[in-house]
Amino acid sequence: MVSPTDPNEVRLTGENSFIRLHTAANGPMTTRASHWRVLLSPGGPGHVLYLKSDATDDQVRIYSDNIALARWLQDEIESFLFPEFADQSIQVIDAVFSRDGNAMTFWTETVESDEDTIALTWYDFGEPFVINIPPGAVEGRNLGVYSCFVPARRAQLTLNGVVASGQPLPEMRGDRTTSTACLAWSETWVRPY
């Protein structure tokens, strides 16, 4: 009989939507944005945007409404997802987060600080699917993740009205065609007790 409960410790639940843009299929990444909306974690609830883009002169910026969450995510998850985002010497910029849209037409996350306004927009969506990566399934990672991905064939990031260059590219996850720009909702990270 299969147990209806997962045996692992819940570390985080929320969202981690992302945008990775390229100017050519084999070209370098021009933008990497990792947007977190967290409901439950040891760092508390809140929002964080980790961003590196041609729109930031390829400098990493971190925006958040909860610095404890931003630092916890750096230690727990970003350290292996994208180590440049895990550098705790980078200032965390206080920001306000809002959202608009739906997963049928478009979705926009807006991040506003005293000096910057950033808009991340996903649209032209593909078929949603669930990823299920148990703890230990990826070598060197004791964390697992479950998430509902809504891939976007098109996405745009703007910083103070400047549009980041590039576009999302198609990619495969298992047997699913997806994109380098996805809404990642109902995301839960777990680790063994």
Protein backbone atom coordinates (compact mmCIF):
# COMPACT_ATOMS: atom_id res chain seq x y z
CA MET A 1 0.00 0.00 0.00
CA VAL A 2 1.32 3.45 -0.96
CA SER A 3 1.39 6.00 1.88
CA PRO A 4 -0.62 9.18 1.16
CA THR A 5 1.97 11.29 3.00
CA ASP A 6 5.50 12.25 2.07
CA PRO A 7 8.03 10.98 4.66
CA ASN A 8 10.29 14.05 4.42
CA GLU A 9 10.58 17.30 6.38
CA VAL A 10 8.99 20.33 4.66
CA ARG A 11 11.56 23.13 4.33
CA LEU A 12 9.61 25.58 2.17
CA THR A 13 6.32 25.92 0.36
CA GLY A 14 5.31 28.67 -2.03
CA GLU A 15 6.42 29.64 -5.56
CA ASN A 16 9.73 29.97 -7.42
CA SER A 17 8.99 31.27 -10.90
CA PHE A 18 11.97 31.97 -13.13
CA ILE A 19 13.09 33.63 -16.35
CA ARG A 20 16.30 32.73 -18.18
CA LEU A 21 16.80 34.64 -21.44
CA HIS A 22 19.25 34.02 -24.30
CA THR A 23 19.88 35.97 -27.52
CA ALA A 24 20.64 32.76 -29.47
CA ALA A 25 20.01 29.05 -29.02
CA ASN A 26 23.67 28.34 -28.24
CA GLY A 27 24.43 31.82 -26.95
CA PRO A 28 25.15 32.93 -23.40
CA MET A 29 22.40 33.65 -20.90
CA THR A 30 21.59 37.38 -20.86
CA THR A 31 19.17 37.32 -17.90
CA ARG A 32 18.62 35.00 -14.96
CA ALA A 33 15.78 35.89 -12.58
CA SER A 34 14.59 33.74 -9.68
CA HIS A 35 11.38 35.07 -8.09
CA TRP A 36 10.27 33.55 -4.78
CA ARG A 37 6.89 33.94 -3.06
CA VAL A 38 7.20 31.92 0.16
CA LEU A 39 4.33 31.00 2.45
CA LEU A 40 6.24 28.85 4.94
CA SER A 41 9.97 28.44 5.64
CA PRO A 42 12.48 28.65 8.52
CA GLY A 43 13.21 32.19 7.22
CA GLY A 44 9.53 33.12 7.46
CA PRO A 45 7.14 34.13 4.67
CA GLY A 46 7.81 36.79 2.07
CA HIS A 47 9.24 37.52 -1.35
CA VAL A 48 12.72 37.55 -2.88
CA LEU A 49 13.97 38.36 -6.38
CA TYR A 50 17.50 37.26 -7.31
CA LEU A 51 18.50 38.91 -10.59
CA LYS A 52 21.49 38.98 -12.92
CA SER A 53 20.93 40.55 -16.33
CA ASP A 54 22.32 42.71 -19.07
CA ALA A 55 19.81 45.23 -17.63
CA THR A 56 21.85 45.20 -14.36
CA ASP A 57 25.20 45.33 -16.21
CA ASP A 58 25.58 41.63 -15.33
CA GLN A 59 25.69 42.43 -11.62
CA VAL A 60 23.68 40.33 -9.17
CA ARG A 61 20.93 42.20 -7.34
CA ILE A 62 18.74 40.90 -4.55
CA TYR A 63 15.37 42.44 -3.67
CA SER A 64 13.24 41.30 -0.74
CA ASP A 65 10.59 42.22 1.83
CA ASN A 66 12.19 39.78 4.33
CA ILE A 67 15.99 39.81 4.59
CA ALA A 68 15.98 36.72 6.83
CA LEU A 69 14.18 34.78 4.07
CA ALA A 70 16.60 36.06 1.40
CA ARG A 71 19.61 34.89 3.43
CA TRP A 72 18.02 31.54 4.34
CA LEU A 73 17.23 30.84 0.66
CA GLN A 74 20.84 31.66 -0.23
CA ASP A 75 22.11 29.07 2.26
CA GLU A 76 19.51 26.36 1.73
CA ILE A 77 18.64 26.43 -1.98
CA GLU A 78 20.29 29.09 -4.18
CA SER A 79 23.73 27.83 -3.12
CA PHE A 80 23.26 24.86 -5.47
CA LEU A 81 20.72 26.27 -7.95
CA PHE A 82 22.92 29.25 -8.93
CA PRO A 83 25.89 29.91 -6.60
CA GLU A 84 26.27 33.54 -7.74
CA PHE A 85 22.92 34.25 -6.05
CA ALA A 86 24.21 32.74 -2.76
CA ASP A 87 26.87 35.41 -2.11
CA GLN A 88 25.84 36.90 1.23
CA SER A 89 28.08 39.94 0.78
CA ILE A 90 25.53 41.24 -1.77
CA GLN A 91 23.20 43.86 -0.30
CA VAL A 92 19.52 42.94 0.01
CA ILE A 93 17.43 45.84 -1.31
CA ASP A 94 14.12 46.44 0.48
CA ALA A 95 11.24 46.14 -1.98
CA VAL A 96 7.47 45.80 -2.34
CA PHE A 97 6.11 42.93 -4.43
CA SER A 98 2.81 42.67 -6.34
CA ARG A 99 1.33 40.49 -9.06
CA ASP A 100 -1.27 40.59 -11.81
CA GLY A 101 -2.68 38.24 -14.43
CA ASN A 102 -3.53 34.55 -14.72
CA ALA A 103 -1.96 31.40 -16.12
CA MET A 104 -4.15 31.50 -19.23
CA THR A 105 -3.02 34.80 -20.81
CA PHE A 106 -0.18 36.52 -18.92
CA TRP A 107 1.36 36.78 -15.47
CA THR A 108 3.35 39.78 -14.21
CA GLU A 109 5.35 40.05 -11.00
CA THR A 110 6.29 43.64 -10.11
CA VAL A 111 9.11 44.51 -7.70
CA GLU A 112 9.46 48.12 -6.53
CA SER A 113 12.28 49.58 -4.42
CA ASP A 114 13.17 53.21 -3.72
CA GLU A 115 15.23 53.32 -6.93
CA ASP A 116 14.02 50.51 -9.17
CA THR A 117 10.88 49.13 -10.74
CA ILE A 118 11.19 45.64 -12.18
CA ALA A 119 8.50 43.79 -14.11
CA LEU A 120 8.75 40.10 -14.95
CA THR A 121 6.08 38.95 -17.42
CA TRP A 122 5.36 35.44 -18.68
CA TYR A 123 2.92 34.74 -21.57
CA ASP A 124 2.12 32.35 -24.43
CA PHE A 125 1.81 29.44 -22.02
CA GLY A 126 2.24 25.74 -22.68
CA GLU A 127 0.63 22.80 -20.91
CA PRO A 128 1.22 22.75 -17.11
CA PHE A 129 2.92 19.72 -15.58
CA VAL A 130 4.20 18.61 -12.17
CA ILE A 131 7.85 17.92 -11.41
CA ASN A 132 8.71 15.45 -8.67
CA ILE A 133 12.38 15.24 -7.67
CA PRO A 134 12.78 13.26 -4.42
CA PRO A 135 15.62 14.07 -1.99
CA GLY A 136 18.87 12.53 -3.21
CA ALA A 137 17.67 12.12 -6.82
CA VAL A 138 20.19 14.76 -7.91
CA GLU A 139 23.75 13.95 -6.90
CA GLY A 140 25.00 16.19 -4.12
CA ARG A 141 21.53 17.41 -3.16
CA ASN A 142 19.77 16.19 -0.06
CA LEU A 143 16.73 18.34 -0.93
CA GLY A 144 13.79 17.29 -3.06
CA VAL A 145 11.24 19.49 -4.80
CA TYR A 146 7.66 19.13 -6.04
CA SER A 147 6.21 21.89 -8.20
CA CYS A 148 3.59 22.72 -10.82
CA PHE A 149 5.39 24.22 -13.83
CA VAL A 150 3.54 26.41 -16.31
CA PRO A 151 6.03 26.94 -19.16
CA ALA A 152 5.97 30.23 -21.06
CA ARG A 153 7.14 30.37 -24.65
CA ARG A 154 7.51 34.15 -24.27
CA ALA A 155 8.72 36.28 -21.35
CA GLN A 156 10.05 39.76 -20.73
CA LEU A 157 11.93 41.47 -17.92
CA THR A 158 12.16 45.24 -17.61
CA LEU A 159 14.22 47.29 -15.17
CA ASN A 160 13.20 50.97 -14.95
CA GLY A 161 11.71 50.70 -18.44
CA VAL A 162 14.79 49.05 -19.99
CA VAL A 163 13.91 45.72 -21.60
CA ALA A 164 16.40 42.94 -20.99
CA SER A 165 17.65 41.36 -24.22
CA GLY A 166 16.95 37.80 -25.25
CA GLN A 167 14.09 35.36 -25.14
CA PRO A 168 13.23 32.07 -23.43
CA LEU A 169 14.35 28.87 -25.13
CA PRO A 170 12.60 25.52 -25.26
CA GLU A 171 14.13 22.79 -23.09
CA MET A 172 13.26 19.31 -21.93
CA ARG A 173 12.51 18.20 -18.36
CA GLY A 174 12.20 14.45 -18.43
CA ASP A 175 9.73 13.70 -21.22
CA ARG A 176 8.13 17.18 -21.18
CA THR A 177 8.92 20.06 -23.51
CA THR A 178 9.14 23.15 -21.37
CA SER A 179 10.89 26.51 -21.42
CA THR A 180 13.63 28.49 -19.71
CA ALA A 181 10.81 30.72 -18.40
CA CYS A 182 8.22 29.06 -16.15
CA LEU A 183 5.74 29.87 -13.48
CA ALA A 184 6.61 27.41 -10.72
CA TRP A 185 3.64 27.30 -8.36
CA SER A 186 2.70 25.06 -5.46
CA GLU A 187 6.42 24.51 -4.98
CA THR A 188 7.50 22.53 -1.92
CA TRP A 189 11.09 21.74 -0.95
CA VAL A 190 11.72 18.81 1.38
CA ARG A 191 14.63 16.94 2.96
CA PRO A 192 14.91 13.69 4.89
CA TYR A 193 14.42 13.87 8.65
